[in-house]
């Protein structure tokens, strides 16, 4: 919420949680294979050594939501990875780092641009 005391200052947990909701309340009904598609992308990324020591690496659900955050440029970065984030926090970095996840997210959001602002 952009308050100085916000423990998530600098990233949008709203985008993260909306990503979960869009998937669980919409996408899985539009495409009965969507969960499997995300899980396969997650396993492929993990098999390539991607997302080590990050929240996205913990499971397919967080992989999706963290990816959506980066797609909309609303994530934080950490280099080296800190158990939550790594160096990927923008759409361009996501596309370069994990093209499979980028393609999946881009297919859903079709290049929509969102510019977060603080009140």
N, C-alpha and C. Protein backbone atom coordinates (compact mmCIF):
# COMPACT_ATOMS: atom_id res chain seq x y z
N UNK A 1 0.81 -1.20 0.00
CA UNK A 1 0.00 0.00 0.00
C UNK A 1 0.84 1.26 0.00
N UNK A 2 2.13 1.09 -0.12
CA UNK A 2 3.06 2.21 -0.25
C UNK A 2 3.28 2.97 1.06
N UNK A 3 2.92 2.41 2.17
CA UNK A 3 3.22 3.03 3.46
C UNK A 3 4.64 2.66 3.86
N UNK A 4 5.32 3.55 4.53
CA UNK A 4 6.68 3.29 4.96
C UNK A 4 6.82 2.05 5.82
N UNK A 5 5.77 1.70 6.54
CA UNK A 5 5.81 0.53 7.42
C UNK A 5 5.42 -0.78 6.72
N UNK A 6 5.10 -0.70 5.44
CA UNK A 6 4.68 -1.88 4.67
C UNK A 6 5.84 -2.87 4.56
N UNK A 7 5.67 -4.08 5.06
CA UNK A 7 6.75 -5.07 5.01
C UNK A 7 7.02 -5.54 3.58
N UNK A 8 6.11 -5.25 2.67
CA UNK A 8 6.30 -5.61 1.26
C UNK A 8 6.59 -4.38 0.40
N UNK A 9 7.07 -3.32 1.01
CA UNK A 9 7.34 -2.08 0.29
C UNK A 9 8.25 -2.36 -0.90
N UNK A 10 7.86 -1.87 -2.06
CA UNK A 10 8.65 -2.05 -3.26
C UNK A 10 8.12 -3.14 -4.18
N UNK A 11 7.17 -3.94 -3.70
CA UNK A 11 6.55 -4.95 -4.55
C UNK A 11 5.04 -4.92 -4.34
N UNK A 12 4.31 -5.55 -5.24
CA UNK A 12 2.85 -5.56 -5.12
C UNK A 12 2.36 -6.95 -4.78
N UNK A 13 2.02 -7.13 -3.51
CA UNK A 13 1.42 -8.39 -3.08
C UNK A 13 0.01 -8.50 -3.67
N UNK A 14 -0.62 -7.37 -3.97
CA UNK A 14 -1.94 -7.41 -4.61
C UNK A 14 -1.85 -8.11 -5.96
N UNK A 15 -0.85 -7.76 -6.77
CA UNK A 15 -0.67 -8.43 -8.06
C UNK A 15 -0.42 -9.92 -7.85
N UNK A 16 0.42 -10.25 -6.87
CA UNK A 16 0.72 -11.65 -6.56
C UNK A 16 -0.56 -12.42 -6.21
N UNK A 17 -1.36 -11.86 -5.32
CA UNK A 17 -2.59 -12.54 -4.89
C UNK A 17 -3.64 -12.56 -5.99
N UNK A 18 -3.72 -11.50 -6.79
CA UNK A 18 -4.62 -11.53 -7.94
C UNK A 18 -4.21 -12.63 -8.91
N UNK A 19 -2.92 -12.85 -9.07
CA UNK A 19 -2.45 -13.92 -9.96
C UNK A 19 -2.98 -15.27 -9.49
N UNK A 20 -2.90 -15.52 -8.18
CA UNK A 20 -3.46 -16.77 -7.65
C UNK A 20 -4.96 -16.85 -7.95
N UNK A 21 -5.67 -15.76 -7.72
CA UNK A 21 -7.12 -15.74 -7.89
C UNK A 21 -7.52 -15.90 -9.35
N UNK A 22 -6.85 -15.21 -10.24
CA UNK A 22 -7.14 -15.32 -11.67
C UNK A 22 -6.97 -16.76 -12.13
N UNK A 23 -5.93 -17.42 -11.62
CA UNK A 23 -5.70 -18.82 -11.98
C UNK A 23 -6.77 -19.72 -11.39
N UNK A 24 -7.00 -19.61 -10.10
CA UNK A 24 -7.88 -20.57 -9.42
C UNK A 24 -9.37 -20.32 -9.66
N UNK A 25 -9.73 -19.09 -9.96
CA UNK A 25 -11.15 -18.77 -10.15
C UNK A 25 -11.53 -18.55 -11.61
N UNK A 26 -10.55 -18.56 -12.50
CA UNK A 26 -10.85 -18.30 -13.90
C UNK A 26 -10.17 -19.23 -14.87
N UNK A 27 -8.85 -19.19 -14.88
CA UNK A 27 -8.10 -19.91 -15.90
C UNK A 27 -8.32 -21.41 -15.88
N UNK A 28 -8.43 -21.99 -14.69
CA UNK A 28 -8.61 -23.45 -14.61
C UNK A 28 -9.98 -23.87 -15.14
N UNK A 29 -10.94 -22.94 -15.19
CA UNK A 29 -12.26 -23.25 -15.75
C UNK A 29 -12.29 -23.03 -17.26
N UNK A 30 -11.46 -22.12 -17.74
CA UNK A 30 -11.36 -21.89 -19.18
C UNK A 30 -10.54 -22.96 -19.87
N UNK A 31 -9.57 -23.50 -19.14
CA UNK A 31 -8.67 -24.53 -19.68
C UNK A 31 -8.44 -25.57 -18.59
N UNK A 32 -9.07 -26.72 -18.74
CA UNK A 32 -8.98 -27.76 -17.70
C UNK A 32 -7.56 -28.29 -17.53
N UNK A 33 -6.68 -28.00 -18.48
CA UNK A 33 -5.28 -28.45 -18.39
C UNK A 33 -4.35 -27.37 -17.86
N UNK A 34 -4.89 -26.22 -17.48
CA UNK A 34 -4.02 -25.10 -17.11
C UNK A 34 -3.13 -25.42 -15.92
N UNK A 35 -3.67 -26.05 -14.90
CA UNK A 35 -2.85 -26.40 -13.73
C UNK A 35 -1.71 -27.31 -14.13
N UNK A 36 -1.99 -28.30 -14.95
CA UNK A 36 -0.95 -29.21 -15.43
C UNK A 36 0.08 -28.47 -16.26
N UNK A 37 -0.36 -27.53 -17.07
CA UNK A 37 0.56 -26.73 -17.88
C UNK A 37 1.51 -25.94 -17.00
N UNK A 38 0.99 -25.31 -15.95
CA UNK A 38 1.83 -24.55 -15.02
C UNK A 38 2.78 -25.50 -14.29
N UNK A 39 2.28 -26.62 -13.83
CA UNK A 39 3.12 -27.59 -13.13
C UNK A 39 4.24 -28.11 -14.03
N UNK A 40 3.94 -28.36 -15.30
CA UNK A 40 4.97 -28.81 -16.24
C UNK A 40 6.02 -27.73 -16.48
N UNK A 41 5.58 -26.49 -16.62
CA UNK A 41 6.53 -25.38 -16.79
C UNK A 41 7.41 -25.24 -15.56
N UNK A 42 6.81 -25.38 -14.39
CA UNK A 42 7.56 -25.31 -13.13
C UNK A 42 8.61 -26.42 -13.06
N UNK A 43 8.22 -27.65 -13.34
CA UNK A 43 9.17 -28.76 -13.29
C UNK A 43 10.29 -28.58 -14.31
N UNK A 44 9.95 -28.10 -15.49
CA UNK A 44 10.96 -27.85 -16.51
C UNK A 44 11.96 -26.80 -16.03
N UNK A 45 11.46 -25.73 -15.45
CA UNK A 45 12.34 -24.67 -14.93
C UNK A 45 13.23 -25.20 -13.81
N UNK A 46 12.65 -25.94 -12.89
CA UNK A 46 13.43 -26.48 -11.76
C UNK A 46 14.48 -27.47 -12.27
N UNK A 47 14.13 -28.26 -13.27
CA UNK A 47 15.09 -29.21 -13.85
C UNK A 47 16.26 -28.50 -14.51
N UNK A 48 16.04 -27.26 -14.93
CA UNK A 48 17.10 -26.45 -15.52
C UNK A 48 17.88 -25.67 -14.47
N UNK A 49 17.51 -25.83 -13.22
CA UNK A 49 18.19 -25.12 -12.14
C UNK A 49 17.71 -23.70 -11.92
N UNK A 50 16.56 -23.37 -12.51
CA UNK A 50 16.03 -22.02 -12.34
C UNK A 50 15.30 -21.89 -11.02
N UNK A 51 15.27 -20.69 -10.50
CA UNK A 51 14.52 -20.30 -9.31
C UNK A 51 15.03 -20.92 -8.02
N UNK A 52 16.31 -21.34 -8.00
CA UNK A 52 16.89 -21.85 -6.76
C UNK A 52 16.88 -20.76 -5.70
N UNK A 53 16.57 -21.14 -4.47
CA UNK A 53 16.59 -20.25 -3.32
C UNK A 53 15.66 -19.04 -3.50
N UNK A 54 14.48 -19.28 -4.11
CA UNK A 54 13.47 -18.23 -4.26
C UNK A 54 12.10 -18.79 -3.88
N UNK A 55 11.17 -17.89 -3.66
CA UNK A 55 9.80 -18.29 -3.37
C UNK A 55 9.17 -18.95 -4.60
N UNK A 56 9.51 -18.46 -5.79
CA UNK A 56 9.00 -19.06 -7.03
C UNK A 56 9.43 -20.52 -7.15
N UNK A 57 10.55 -20.87 -6.57
CA UNK A 57 11.04 -22.23 -6.64
C UNK A 57 10.39 -23.17 -5.65
N UNK A 58 9.52 -22.67 -4.78
CA UNK A 58 8.95 -23.52 -3.73
C UNK A 58 7.86 -24.45 -4.23
N UNK A 59 7.04 -24.01 -5.18
CA UNK A 59 6.00 -24.87 -5.76
C UNK A 59 5.41 -24.18 -6.99
N UNK A 60 4.59 -24.91 -7.73
CA UNK A 60 4.05 -24.39 -8.99
C UNK A 60 3.12 -23.20 -8.79
N UNK A 61 2.40 -23.17 -7.67
CA UNK A 61 1.49 -22.06 -7.41
C UNK A 61 2.25 -20.75 -7.23
N UNK A 62 3.32 -20.80 -6.44
CA UNK A 62 4.11 -19.58 -6.21
C UNK A 62 4.95 -19.23 -7.44
N UNK A 63 5.35 -20.22 -8.19
CA UNK A 63 6.05 -20.01 -9.46
C UNK A 63 5.18 -19.13 -10.37
N UNK A 64 3.92 -19.50 -10.51
CA UNK A 64 2.98 -18.73 -11.32
C UNK A 64 2.83 -17.30 -10.79
N UNK A 65 2.52 -17.16 -9.50
CA UNK A 65 2.24 -15.85 -8.93
C UNK A 65 3.46 -14.93 -8.94
N UNK A 66 4.62 -15.47 -8.60
CA UNK A 66 5.85 -14.66 -8.64
C UNK A 66 6.18 -14.27 -10.08
N UNK A 67 5.93 -15.17 -11.02
CA UNK A 67 6.15 -14.85 -12.42
C UNK A 67 5.26 -13.72 -12.89
N UNK A 68 3.99 -13.76 -12.49
CA UNK A 68 3.06 -12.68 -12.86
C UNK A 68 3.52 -11.35 -12.25
N UNK A 69 4.00 -11.38 -11.02
CA UNK A 69 4.53 -10.15 -10.42
C UNK A 69 5.66 -9.58 -11.26
N UNK A 70 6.58 -10.41 -11.67
CA UNK A 70 7.69 -9.91 -12.49
C UNK A 70 7.20 -9.45 -13.85
N UNK A 71 6.24 -10.16 -14.43
CA UNK A 71 5.68 -9.78 -15.73
C UNK A 71 5.13 -8.36 -15.69
N UNK A 72 4.54 -8.01 -14.56
CA UNK A 72 3.97 -6.66 -14.41
C UNK A 72 4.92 -5.70 -13.70
N UNK A 73 6.20 -6.08 -13.59
CA UNK A 73 7.23 -5.20 -13.04
C UNK A 73 6.90 -4.74 -11.62
N UNK A 74 6.34 -5.65 -10.82
CA UNK A 74 5.94 -5.29 -9.46
C UNK A 74 6.58 -6.22 -8.42
N UNK A 75 7.75 -6.75 -8.73
CA UNK A 75 8.44 -7.64 -7.82
C UNK A 75 9.72 -6.97 -7.32
N UNK A 76 10.30 -7.51 -6.30
CA UNK A 76 11.61 -7.05 -5.82
C UNK A 76 12.69 -7.93 -6.41
N UNK A 77 13.92 -7.51 -6.27
CA UNK A 77 15.03 -8.34 -6.73
C UNK A 77 16.07 -8.50 -5.63
N UNK A 78 16.83 -9.57 -5.75
CA UNK A 78 17.95 -9.81 -4.85
C UNK A 78 18.99 -10.60 -5.63
N UNK A 79 20.20 -10.14 -5.61
CA UNK A 79 21.29 -10.84 -6.28
C UNK A 79 22.50 -10.80 -5.36
N UNK A 80 22.78 -11.92 -4.71
CA UNK A 80 22.30 -13.28 -4.95
C UNK A 80 20.89 -13.49 -4.38
N UNK A 81 20.24 -14.61 -4.79
CA UNK A 81 18.92 -14.93 -4.26
C UNK A 81 18.92 -14.99 -2.73
N UNK A 82 17.80 -14.54 -2.14
CA UNK A 82 17.73 -14.44 -0.68
C UNK A 82 16.67 -15.35 -0.05
N UNK A 83 16.23 -16.36 -0.78
CA UNK A 83 15.19 -17.25 -0.29
C UNK A 83 13.81 -16.83 -0.73
N UNK A 84 13.67 -15.59 -1.15
CA UNK A 84 12.40 -15.09 -1.68
C UNK A 84 12.57 -14.63 -3.12
N UNK A 85 13.52 -13.75 -3.36
CA UNK A 85 13.72 -13.16 -4.68
C UNK A 85 15.08 -13.52 -5.25
N UNK A 86 15.19 -13.36 -6.57
CA UNK A 86 16.48 -13.39 -7.25
C UNK A 86 16.57 -12.12 -8.09
N UNK A 87 17.38 -12.15 -9.13
CA UNK A 87 17.59 -10.94 -9.93
C UNK A 87 16.43 -10.63 -10.88
N UNK A 88 15.44 -11.50 -10.99
CA UNK A 88 14.35 -11.33 -11.95
C UNK A 88 13.20 -10.55 -11.30
N UNK A 89 12.96 -9.35 -11.78
CA UNK A 89 11.84 -8.57 -11.26
C UNK A 89 11.16 -7.71 -12.32
N UNK A 90 11.49 -7.93 -13.59
CA UNK A 90 10.86 -7.19 -14.68
C UNK A 90 10.42 -8.16 -15.77
N UNK A 91 9.56 -7.69 -16.63
CA UNK A 91 9.08 -8.51 -17.75
C UNK A 91 10.25 -8.95 -18.63
N UNK A 92 11.13 -8.03 -18.95
CA UNK A 92 12.27 -8.36 -19.82
C UNK A 92 13.18 -9.40 -19.17
N UNK A 93 13.42 -9.25 -17.87
CA UNK A 93 14.27 -10.22 -17.17
C UNK A 93 13.60 -11.58 -17.09
N UNK A 94 12.28 -11.60 -16.89
CA UNK A 94 11.55 -12.87 -16.87
C UNK A 94 11.64 -13.56 -18.23
N UNK A 95 11.46 -12.82 -19.29
CA UNK A 95 11.53 -13.40 -20.64
C UNK A 95 12.90 -14.00 -20.91
N UNK A 96 13.95 -13.32 -20.49
CA UNK A 96 15.31 -13.82 -20.71
C UNK A 96 15.63 -15.02 -19.81
N UNK A 97 15.18 -14.99 -18.57
CA UNK A 97 15.54 -16.01 -17.58
C UNK A 97 14.72 -17.28 -17.71
N UNK A 98 13.41 -17.15 -17.89
CA UNK A 98 12.51 -18.31 -17.96
C UNK A 98 11.51 -18.09 -19.09
N UNK A 99 11.95 -18.32 -20.33
CA UNK A 99 11.08 -18.07 -21.48
C UNK A 99 9.78 -18.88 -21.45
N UNK A 100 9.81 -20.06 -20.86
CA UNK A 100 8.60 -20.88 -20.78
C UNK A 100 7.54 -20.25 -19.91
N UNK A 101 7.93 -19.77 -18.75
CA UNK A 101 6.99 -19.10 -17.86
C UNK A 101 6.51 -17.80 -18.48
N UNK A 102 7.44 -17.06 -19.06
CA UNK A 102 7.07 -15.81 -19.72
C UNK A 102 6.00 -16.06 -20.79
N UNK A 103 6.21 -17.07 -21.63
CA UNK A 103 5.27 -17.36 -22.72
C UNK A 103 3.89 -17.73 -22.18
N UNK A 104 3.87 -18.51 -21.12
CA UNK A 104 2.60 -18.91 -20.50
C UNK A 104 1.85 -17.69 -19.96
N UNK A 105 2.55 -16.83 -19.26
CA UNK A 105 1.92 -15.63 -18.70
C UNK A 105 1.50 -14.68 -19.80
N UNK A 106 2.35 -14.51 -20.81
CA UNK A 106 2.05 -13.60 -21.91
C UNK A 106 0.84 -14.07 -22.70
N UNK A 107 0.67 -15.38 -22.80
CA UNK A 107 -0.51 -15.92 -23.49
C UNK A 107 -1.79 -15.52 -22.75
N UNK A 108 -1.72 -15.48 -21.44
CA UNK A 108 -2.88 -15.11 -20.63
C UNK A 108 -3.12 -13.60 -20.66
N UNK A 109 -2.07 -12.82 -20.44
CA UNK A 109 -2.23 -11.37 -20.27
C UNK A 109 -1.97 -10.58 -21.55
N UNK A 110 -1.47 -11.23 -22.58
CA UNK A 110 -1.37 -10.66 -23.92
C UNK A 110 -0.71 -9.28 -23.97
N UNK A 111 0.38 -9.13 -23.23
CA UNK A 111 1.15 -7.91 -23.30
C UNK A 111 0.57 -6.72 -22.56
N UNK A 112 -0.46 -6.93 -21.76
CA UNK A 112 -1.06 -5.83 -20.99
C UNK A 112 0.02 -5.12 -20.18
N UNK A 113 -0.02 -3.81 -20.19
CA UNK A 113 0.93 -3.01 -19.43
C UNK A 113 0.21 -2.45 -18.20
N UNK A 114 0.84 -2.60 -17.06
CA UNK A 114 0.30 -2.07 -15.80
C UNK A 114 1.42 -1.27 -15.16
N UNK A 115 1.11 -0.05 -14.81
CA UNK A 115 2.09 0.80 -14.14
C UNK A 115 1.59 1.10 -12.74
N UNK A 116 2.20 0.45 -11.73
CA UNK A 116 1.74 0.68 -10.36
C UNK A 116 2.09 2.09 -9.90
N UNK A 117 1.19 2.68 -9.15
CA UNK A 117 1.44 3.99 -8.57
C UNK A 117 1.01 3.98 -7.11
N UNK A 118 1.66 4.77 -6.34
CA UNK A 118 1.29 4.91 -4.93
C UNK A 118 0.36 6.11 -4.78
N UNK A 119 -0.63 5.99 -3.90
CA UNK A 119 -1.54 7.13 -3.71
C UNK A 119 -0.83 8.32 -3.10
